Amino acid sequence: MDHMKDINQTRRGLVIGGALSATAGALPAMAQVESPQGGGAPSATPAPVKARVALKVNGKQHTLEVDTRTTVLDLLREQLHLTGTKKGCDQGQCGACTVIVNGRRINSCLSLAVMHEGDEITTIEGLGQPGKLHPMQAAFVKHDGYQCGYCTPGQICSSVAVLDEIQRGIPSHVTGDLNAKPMLSLDELRERMSGNICRCGAYSNIMEAITEVAGQGRKA
């Protein structure tokens, strides 16, 4: 029995000794990760880099100091408090954040504010206001071109830009021909609006609103 007791004590000692050795070996590495300089305190997070940007939004000039990582969407919503532009997927896939920059529509969640020095941005608030609606806004109301309404600001901005693209002769992916005259068929409109998703499924009503503003009626 004394022999077995000695064996158990020896095993226990080996386990304890091994654990202590492993802990002691890990301590220097842990200290190095926490503080590469060996000071014991974690390194401070670098301060954000800021830049000044001047741009015009809905006809008003703004000069702002922004974090260089700030998107146009966040600048509009967080700094200018223009919350009509919606943050949907924040990945450029749904079109809810569509605004018009220098006459061209963009996904504002994918574009950095500092890239737009001197640019002119139009949001849903800049197209029209209650009592003085843009024709496209009025058409969306008339044809129930919305349900929950979350995607509607982006849909309307994109619709306005689409008609301008067609008027200026900018081809879409449907024609593929730079020399072809742009069409105004429903297939053409659907293709041009394909970057704007309506999760409620009001697509046919949206098409009716666009074709009415285009002066084509439902026969387009």
C-alpha atoms as a PDB file:
ATOM      1  CA  MET A   1       0.000   0.000   0.000  1.00  0.00           C
ATOM      2  CA  ASP A   2       2.856   2.398   0.792  1.00  0.00           C
ATOM      3  CA  HIS A   3       4.280   1.619  -2.622  1.00  0.00           C
ATOM      4  CA  MET A   4       0.996   2.596  -4.373  1.00  0.00           C
ATOM      5  CA  LYS A   5       0.786   5.781  -2.275  1.00  0.00           C
ATOM      6  CA  ASP A   6       4.252   6.791  -3.445  1.00  0.00           C
ATOM      7  CA  ILE A   7       3.280   6.186  -7.074  1.00  0.00           C
ATOM      8  CA  ASN A   8       0.132   8.379  -6.747  1.00  0.00           C
ATOM      9  CA  GLN A   9       2.124  11.151  -5.131  1.00  0.00           C
ATOM     10  CA  THR A  10       4.687  10.952  -7.928  1.00  0.00           C
ATOM     11  CA  ARG A  11       1.942  11.192 -10.609  1.00  0.00           C
ATOM     12  CA  ARG A  12       0.345  14.129  -8.826  1.00  0.00           C
ATOM     13  CA  GLY A  13       3.638  15.889  -8.679  1.00  0.00           C
ATOM     14  CA  LEU A  14       4.268  15.375 -12.379  1.00  0.00           C
ATOM     15  CA  VAL A  15       0.846  16.812 -13.303  1.00  0.00           C
ATOM     16  CA  ILE A  16       1.279  19.841 -11.041  1.00  0.00           C
ATOM     17  CA  GLY A  17       4.814  20.402 -12.239  1.00  0.00           C
ATOM     18  CA  GLY A  18       3.794  20.180 -15.891  1.00  0.00           C
ATOM     19  CA  ALA A  19       0.973  22.673 -15.413  1.00  0.00           C
ATOM     20  CA  LEU A  20       3.258  25.117 -13.654  1.00  0.00           C
ATOM     21  CA  SER A  21       5.859  24.805 -16.398  1.00  0.00           C
ATOM     22  CA  ALA A  22       3.280  25.435 -19.143  1.00  0.00           C
ATOM     23  CA  THR A  23       1.898  28.491 -17.323  1.00  0.00           C
ATOM     24  CA  ALA A  24       5.348  29.915 -16.764  1.00  0.00           C
ATOM     25  CA  GLY A  25       6.219  29.422 -20.433  1.00  0.00           C
ATOM     26  CA  ALA A  26       3.060  31.180 -21.599  1.00  0.00           C
ATOM     27  CA  LEU A  27       3.402  34.273 -19.419  1.00  0.00           C
ATOM     28  CA  PRO A  28       6.193  35.982 -21.437  1.00  0.00           C
ATOM     29  CA  ALA A  29       4.304  35.457 -24.698  1.00  0.00           C
ATOM     30  CA  MET A  30       1.087  36.863 -23.214  1.00  0.00           C
ATOM     31  CA  ALA A  31       2.940  39.885 -21.876  1.00  0.00           C
ATOM     32  CA  GLN A  32       4.442  40.488 -25.299  1.00  0.00           C
ATOM     33  CA  VAL A  33       1.005  40.408 -26.983  1.00  0.00           C
ATOM     34  CA  GLU A  34      -0.480  42.833 -24.445  1.00  0.00           C
ATOM     35  CA  SER A  35       2.414  45.241 -24.690  1.00  0.00           C
ATOM     36  CA  PRO A  36       4.965  44.941 -27.511  1.00  0.00           C
ATOM     37  CA  GLN A  37       7.069  47.577 -25.742  1.00  0.00           C
ATOM     38  CA  GLY A  38       6.971  45.652 -22.509  1.00  0.00           C
ATOM     39  CA  GLY A  39       5.294  48.508 -20.665  1.00  0.00           C
ATOM     40  CA  GLY A  40       2.332  46.411 -19.538  1.00  0.00           C
ATOM     41  CA  ALA A  41      -0.350  48.774 -20.918  1.00  0.00           C
ATOM     42  CA  PRO A  42      -2.138  48.105 -24.251  1.00  0.00           C
ATOM     43  CA  SER A  43      -1.230  50.419 -27.111  1.00  0.00           C
ATOM     44  CA  ALA A  44      -3.636  53.300 -27.767  1.00  0.00           C
ATOM     45  CA  THR A  45      -6.004  53.169 -30.766  1.00  0.00           C
ATOM     46  CA  PRO A  46      -4.834  55.608 -33.454  1.00  0.00           C
ATOM     47  CA  ALA A  47      -6.970  58.717 -33.791  1.00  0.00           C
ATOM     48  CA  PRO A  48      -9.153  58.813 -36.922  1.00  0.00           C
ATOM     49  CA  VAL A  49      -7.786  60.758 -39.863  1.00  0.00           C
ATOM     50  CA  LYS A  50      -9.999  63.719 -40.710  1.00  0.00           C
ATOM     51  CA  ALA A  51     -10.280  65.887 -43.789  1.00  0.00           C
ATOM     52  CA  ARG A  52     -12.263  68.922 -44.836  1.00  0.00           C
ATOM     53  CA  VAL A  53     -14.706  68.527 -47.713  1.00  0.00           C
ATOM     54  CA  ALA A  54     -16.833  71.172 -49.420  1.00  0.00           C
ATOM     55  CA  LEU A  55     -19.899  70.097 -51.364  1.00  0.00           C
ATOM     56  CA  LYS A  56     -23.374  71.263 -52.272  1.00  0.00           C
ATOM     57  CA  VAL A  57     -26.360  69.298 -51.014  1.00  0.00           C
ATOM     58  CA  ASN A  58     -29.855  70.143 -52.268  1.00  0.00           C
ATOM     59  CA  GLY A  59     -28.652  73.542 -53.419  1.00  0.00           C
ATOM     60  CA  LYS A  60     -26.945  74.471 -50.130  1.00  0.00           C
ATOM     61  CA  GLN A  61     -23.186  74.726 -49.764  1.00  0.00           C
ATOM     62  CA  HIS A  62     -21.605  72.802 -46.873  1.00  0.00           C
ATOM     63  CA  THR A  63     -18.022  72.636 -45.646  1.00  0.00           C
ATOM     64  CA  LEU A  64     -17.501  69.806 -43.197  1.00  0.00           C
ATOM     65  CA  GLU A  65     -14.699  68.067 -41.384  1.00  0.00           C
ATOM     66  CA  VAL A  66     -15.193  64.329 -41.701  1.00  0.00           C
ATOM     67  CA  ASP A  67     -13.452  61.098 -40.853  1.00  0.00           C
ATOM     68  CA  THR A  68     -11.894  59.956 -44.124  1.00  0.00           C
ATOM     69  CA  ARG A  69     -13.804  56.669 -43.744  1.00  0.00           C
ATOM     70  CA  THR A  70     -17.205  58.422 -43.682  1.00  0.00           C
ATOM     71  CA  THR A  71     -19.523  57.463 -46.530  1.00  0.00           C
ATOM     72  CA  VAL A  72     -21.795  59.899 -48.318  1.00  0.00           C
ATOM     73  CA  LEU A  73     -24.723  58.076 -46.711  1.00  0.00           C
ATOM     74  CA  ASP A  74     -23.436  58.603 -43.173  1.00  0.00           C
ATOM     75  CA  LEU A  75     -22.532  62.215 -43.907  1.00  0.00           C
ATOM     76  CA  LEU A  76     -26.076  62.889 -45.106  1.00  0.00           C
ATOM     77  CA  ARG A  77     -27.784  61.120 -42.236  1.00  0.00           C
ATOM     78  CA  GLU A  78     -25.477  61.737 -39.289  1.00  0.00           C
ATOM     79  CA  GLN A  79     -23.976  65.157 -40.012  1.00  0.00           C
ATOM     80  CA  LEU A  80     -26.541  66.903 -42.207  1.00  0.00           C
ATOM     81  CA  HIS A  81     -29.534  65.099 -40.641  1.00  0.00           C
ATOM     82  CA  LEU A  82     -31.084  64.357 -44.028  1.00  0.00           C
ATOM     83  CA  THR A  83     -32.602  61.044 -42.978  1.00  0.00           C
ATOM     84  CA  GLY A  84     -34.761  60.592 -46.065  1.00  0.00           C
ATOM     85  CA  THR A  85     -31.885  58.650 -47.628  1.00  0.00           C
ATOM     86  CA  LYS A  86     -32.117  55.191 -46.074  1.00  0.00           C
ATOM     87  CA  LYS A  87     -29.475  52.744 -44.961  1.00  0.00           C
ATOM     88  CA  GLY A  88     -30.617  49.362 -46.186  1.00  0.00           C
ATOM     89  CA  CYS A  89     -27.991  46.676 -46.789  1.00  0.00           C
ATOM     90  CA  ASP A  90     -25.000  49.073 -46.457  1.00  0.00           C
ATOM     91  CA  GLN A  91     -23.333  46.973 -49.170  1.00  0.00           C
ATOM     92  CA  GLY A  92     -24.593  48.547 -52.394  1.00  0.00           C
ATOM     93  CA  GLN A  93     -27.047  45.753 -53.128  1.00  0.00           C
ATOM     94  CA  CYS A  94     -30.512  47.159 -52.380  1.00  0.00           C
ATOM     95  CA  GLY A  95     -30.472  50.743 -53.712  1.00  0.00           C
ATOM     96  CA  ALA A  96     -32.302  52.242 -50.705  1.00  0.00           C
ATOM     97  CA  CYS A  97     -29.485  54.789 -50.300  1.00  0.00           C
ATOM     98  CA  THR A  98     -29.555  56.033 -53.915  1.00  0.00           C
ATOM     99  CA  VAL A  99     -28.868  59.751 -54.360  1.00  0.00           C
ATOM    100  CA  ILE A 100     -28.050  61.856 -57.411  1.00  0.00           C
ATOM    101  CA  VAL A 101     -24.518  63.265 -57.684  1.00  0.00           C
ATOM    102  CA  ASN A 102     -23.800  65.684 -60.529  1.00  0.00           C
ATOM    103  CA  GLY A 103     -26.793  64.269 -62.372  1.00  0.00           C
ATOM    104  CA  ARG A 104     -25.809  60.621 -61.921  1.00  0.00           C
ATOM    105  CA  ARG A 105     -27.284  58.204 -59.411  1.00  0.00           C
ATOM    106  CA  ILE A 106     -24.981  56.421 -56.987  1.00  0.00           C
ATOM    107  CA  ASN A 107     -25.233  54.114 -54.000  1.00  0.00           C
ATOM    108  CA  SER A 108     -24.245  56.536 -51.272  1.00  0.00           C
ATOM    109  CA  CYS A 109     -23.253  53.713 -48.906  1.00  0.00           C
ATOM    110  CA  LEU A 110     -20.359  52.768 -51.222  1.00  0.00           C
ATOM    111  CA  SER A 111     -18.906  56.212 -51.843  1.00  0.00           C
ATOM    112  CA  LEU A 112     -16.641  58.094 -49.442  1.00  0.00           C
ATOM    113  CA  ALA A 113     -17.549  61.685 -48.680  1.00  0.00           C
ATOM    114  CA  VAL A 114     -13.987  62.908 -49.276  1.00  0.00           C
ATOM    115  CA  MET A 115     -14.268  61.739 -52.897  1.00  0.00           C
ATOM    116  CA  HIS A 116     -16.944  64.349 -53.610  1.00  0.00           C
ATOM    117  CA  GLU A 117     -15.140  67.642 -53.098  1.00  0.00           C
ATOM    118  CA  GLY A 118     -17.056  70.286 -55.073  1.00  0.00           C
ATOM    119  CA  ASP A 119     -19.814  67.897 -56.142  1.00  0.00           C
ATOM    120  CA  GLU A 120     -23.545  68.607 -56.103  1.00  0.00           C
ATOM    121  CA  ILE A 121     -25.720  66.038 -54.366  1.00  0.00           C
ATOM    122  CA  THR A 122     -29.497  65.788 -54.583  1.00  0.00           C
ATOM    123  CA  THR A 123     -31.389  63.671 -52.067  1.00  0.00           C
ATOM    124  CA  ILE A 124     -35.088  62.881 -51.813  1.00  0.00           C
ATOM    125  CA  GLU A 125     -35.517  66.055 -49.726  1.00  0.00           C
ATOM    126  CA  GLY A 126     -34.042  68.084 -52.577  1.00  0.00           C
ATOM    127  CA  LEU A 127     -36.445  66.712 -55.185  1.00  0.00           C
ATOM    128  CA  GLY A 128     -39.596  67.930 -53.472  1.00  0.00           C
ATOM    129  CA  GLN A 129     -41.316  68.631 -50.193  1.00  0.00           C
ATOM    130  CA  PRO A 130     -44.915  68.236 -48.935  1.00  0.00           C
ATOM    131  CA  GLY A 131     -47.019  70.800 -50.749  1.00  0.00           C
ATOM    132  CA  LYS A 132     -44.532  71.003 -53.619  1.00  0.00           C
ATOM    133  CA  LEU A 133     -43.863  67.436 -54.716  1.00  0.00           C
ATOM    134  CA  HIS A 134     -41.657  66.452 -57.613  1.00  0.00           C
ATOM    135  CA  PRO A 135     -43.776  64.914 -60.414  1.00  0.00           C
ATOM    136  CA  MET A 136     -42.183  61.527 -59.674  1.00  0.00           C
ATOM    137  CA  GLN A 137     -43.103  61.767 -56.000  1.00  0.00           C
ATOM    138  CA  ALA A 138     -46.681  62.665 -56.928  1.00  0.00           C
ATOM    139  CA  ALA A 139     -46.841  59.752 -59.377  1.00  0.00           C
ATOM    140  CA  PHE A 140     -45.617  57.310 -56.719  1.00  0.00           C
ATOM    141  CA  VAL A 141     -48.413  58.518 -54.428  1.00  0.00           C
ATOM    142  CA  LYS A 142     -51.015  58.265 -57.198  1.00  0.00           C
ATOM    143  CA  HIS A 143     -50.024  54.751 -58.269  1.00  0.00           C
ATOM    144  CA  ASP A 144     -49.225  53.387 -54.785  1.00  0.00           C
ATOM    145  CA  GLY A 145     -45.607  52.870 -55.785  1.00  0.00           C
ATOM    146  CA  TYR A 146     -44.681  51.974 -52.222  1.00  0.00           C
ATOM    147  CA  GLN A 147     -45.882  49.878 -49.305  1.00  0.00           C
ATOM    148  CA  CYS A 148     -43.592  50.018 -46.284  1.00  0.00           C
ATOM    149  CA  GLY A 149     -41.896  53.037 -47.899  1.00  0.00           C
ATOM    150  CA  TYR A 150     -38.361  52.217 -46.782  1.00  0.00           C
ATOM    151  CA  CYS A 151     -36.988  51.797 -50.306  1.00  0.00           C
ATOM    152  CA  THR A 152     -39.109  54.620 -51.746  1.00  0.00           C
ATOM    153  CA  PRO A 153     -36.581  57.504 -51.473  1.00  0.00           C
ATOM    154  CA  GLY A 154     -34.004  55.464 -53.374  1.00  0.00           C
ATOM    155  CA  GLN A 155     -36.608  54.271 -55.881  1.00  0.00           C
ATOM    156  CA  ILE A 156     -37.719  57.843 -56.607  1.00  0.00           C
ATOM    157  CA  CYS A 157     -34.180  59.220 -56.927  1.00  0.00           C
ATOM    158  CA  SER A 158     -33.300  56.363 -59.248  1.00  0.00           C
ATOM    159  CA  SER A 159     -36.494  56.856 -61.296  1.00  0.00           C
ATOM    160  CA  VAL A 160     -35.750  60.540 -61.825  1.00  0.00           C
ATOM    161  CA  ALA A 161     -32.180  59.717 -62.859  1.00  0.00           C
ATOM    162  CA  VAL A 162     -33.357  56.942 -65.211  1.00  0.00           C
ATOM    163  CA  LEU A 163     -35.558  59.314 -67.211  1.00  0.00           C
ATOM    164  CA  ASP A 164     -32.688  61.779 -67.383  1.00  0.00           C
ATOM    165  CA  GLU A 165     -30.364  59.006 -68.615  1.00  0.00           C
ATOM    166  CA  ILE A 166     -32.816  58.082 -71.364  1.00  0.00           C
ATOM    167  CA  GLN A 167     -33.260  61.703 -72.380  1.00  0.00           C
ATOM    168  CA  ARG A 168     -29.493  62.156 -72.583  1.00  0.00           C
ATOM    169  CA  GLY A 169     -29.100  58.966 -74.615  1.00  0.00           C
ATOM    170  CA  ILE A 170     -27.146  56.954 -72.072  1.00  0.00           C
ATOM    171  CA  PRO A 171     -27.487  53.249 -73.012  1.00  0.00           C
ATOM    172  CA  SER A 172     -28.282  50.538 -70.523  1.00  0.00           C
ATOM    173  CA  HIS A 173     -27.078  46.946 -70.348  1.00  0.00           C
ATOM    174  CA  VAL A 174     -30.146  45.832 -72.297  1.00  0.00           C
ATOM    175  CA  THR A 175     -29.114  47.525 -75.553  1.00  0.00           C
ATOM    176  CA  GLY A 176     -25.368  47.182 -75.078  1.00  0.00           C
ATOM    177  CA  ASP A 177     -24.896  49.359 -78.149  1.00  0.00           C
ATOM    178  CA  LEU A 178     -23.415  52.786 -77.542  1.00  0.00           C
ATOM    179  CA  ASN A 179     -24.883  54.001 -80.841  1.00  0.00           C
ATOM    180  CA  ALA A 180     -28.356  52.599 -80.262  1.00  0.00           C
ATOM    181  CA  LYS A 181     -31.192  54.971 -79.431  1.00  0.00           C
ATOM    182  CA  PRO A 182     -32.371  54.287 -75.856  1.00  0.00           C
ATOM    183  CA  MET A 183     -35.740  52.596 -75.570  1.00  0.00           C
ATOM    184  CA  LEU A 184     -38.532  53.254 -73.103  1.00  0.00           C
ATOM    185  CA  SER A 185     -40.106  49.830 -72.984  1.00  0.00           C
ATOM    186  CA  LEU A 186     -41.015  48.195 -69.696  1.00  0.00           C
ATOM    187  CA  ASP A 187     -38.123  45.783 -70.149  1.00  0.00           C
ATOM    188  CA  GLU A 188     -35.755  48.722 -70.548  1.00  0.00           C
ATOM    189  CA  LEU A 189     -37.142  50.443 -67.451  1.00  0.00           C
ATOM    190  CA  ARG A 190     -36.962  47.248 -65.411  1.00  0.00           C
ATOM    191  CA  GLU A 191     -33.339  46.793 -66.414  1.00  0.00           C
ATOM    192  CA  ARG A 192     -32.428  50.347 -65.523  1.00  0.00           C
ATOM    193  CA  MET A 193     -34.227  50.071 -62.175  1.00  0.00           C
ATOM    194  CA  SER A 194     -32.874  46.617 -61.349  1.00  0.00           C
ATOM    195  CA  GLY A 195     -30.464  48.000 -58.755  1.00  0.00           C
ATOM    196  CA  ASN A 196     -33.373  49.153 -56.573  1.00  0.00           C
ATOM    197  CA  ILE A 197     -35.027  46.356 -54.623  1.00  0.00           C
ATOM    198  CA  CYS A 198     -38.575  46.610 -53.269  1.00  0.00           C
ATOM    199  CA  ARG A 199     -38.998  43.861 -50.707  1.00  0.00           C
ATOM    200  CA  CYS A 200     -42.752  44.561 -50.623  1.00  0.00           C
ATOM    201  CA  GLY A 201     -42.999  43.822 -54.346  1.00  0.00           C
ATOM    202  CA  ALA A 202     -44.609  47.047 -55.606  1.00  0.00           C
ATOM    203  CA  TYR A 203     -42.737  46.829 -58.901  1.00  0.00           C
ATOM    204  CA  SER A 204     -45.729  47.095 -61.259  1.00  0.00           C
ATOM    205  CA  ASN A 205     -46.940  50.227 -59.467  1.00  0.00           C
ATOM    206  CA  ILE A 206     -43.450  51.724 -59.650  1.00  0.00           C
ATOM    207  CA  MET A 207     -43.376  51.093 -63.398  1.00  0.00           C
ATOM    208  CA  GLU A 208     -46.758  52.822 -63.774  1.00  0.00           C
ATOM    209  CA  ALA A 209     -45.472  55.864 -61.919  1.00  0.00           C
ATOM    210  CA  ILE A 210     -42.335  56.102 -64.048  1.00  0.00           C
ATOM    211  CA  THR A 211     -44.123  55.657 -67.371  1.00  0.00           C
ATOM    212  CA  GLU A 212     -46.689  58.296 -66.441  1.00  0.00           C
ATOM    213  CA  VAL A 213     -43.980  60.857 -65.644  1.00  0.00           C
ATOM    214  CA  ALA A 214     -42.233  59.909 -68.884  1.00  0.00           C
ATOM    215  CA  GLY A 215     -45.437  60.784 -70.729  1.00  0.00           C
ATOM    216  CA  GLN A 216     -45.832  57.263 -72.087  1.00  0.00           C
ATOM    217  CA  GLY A 217     -48.730  55.960 -70.035  1.00  0.00           C
ATOM    218  CA  ARG A 218     -49.153  52.233 -69.428  1.00  0.00           C
ATOM    219  CA  LYS A 219     -48.642  51.492 -73.153  1.00  0.00           C
ATOM    220  CA  ALA A 220     -44.888  52.022 -72.954  1.00  0.00           C
END
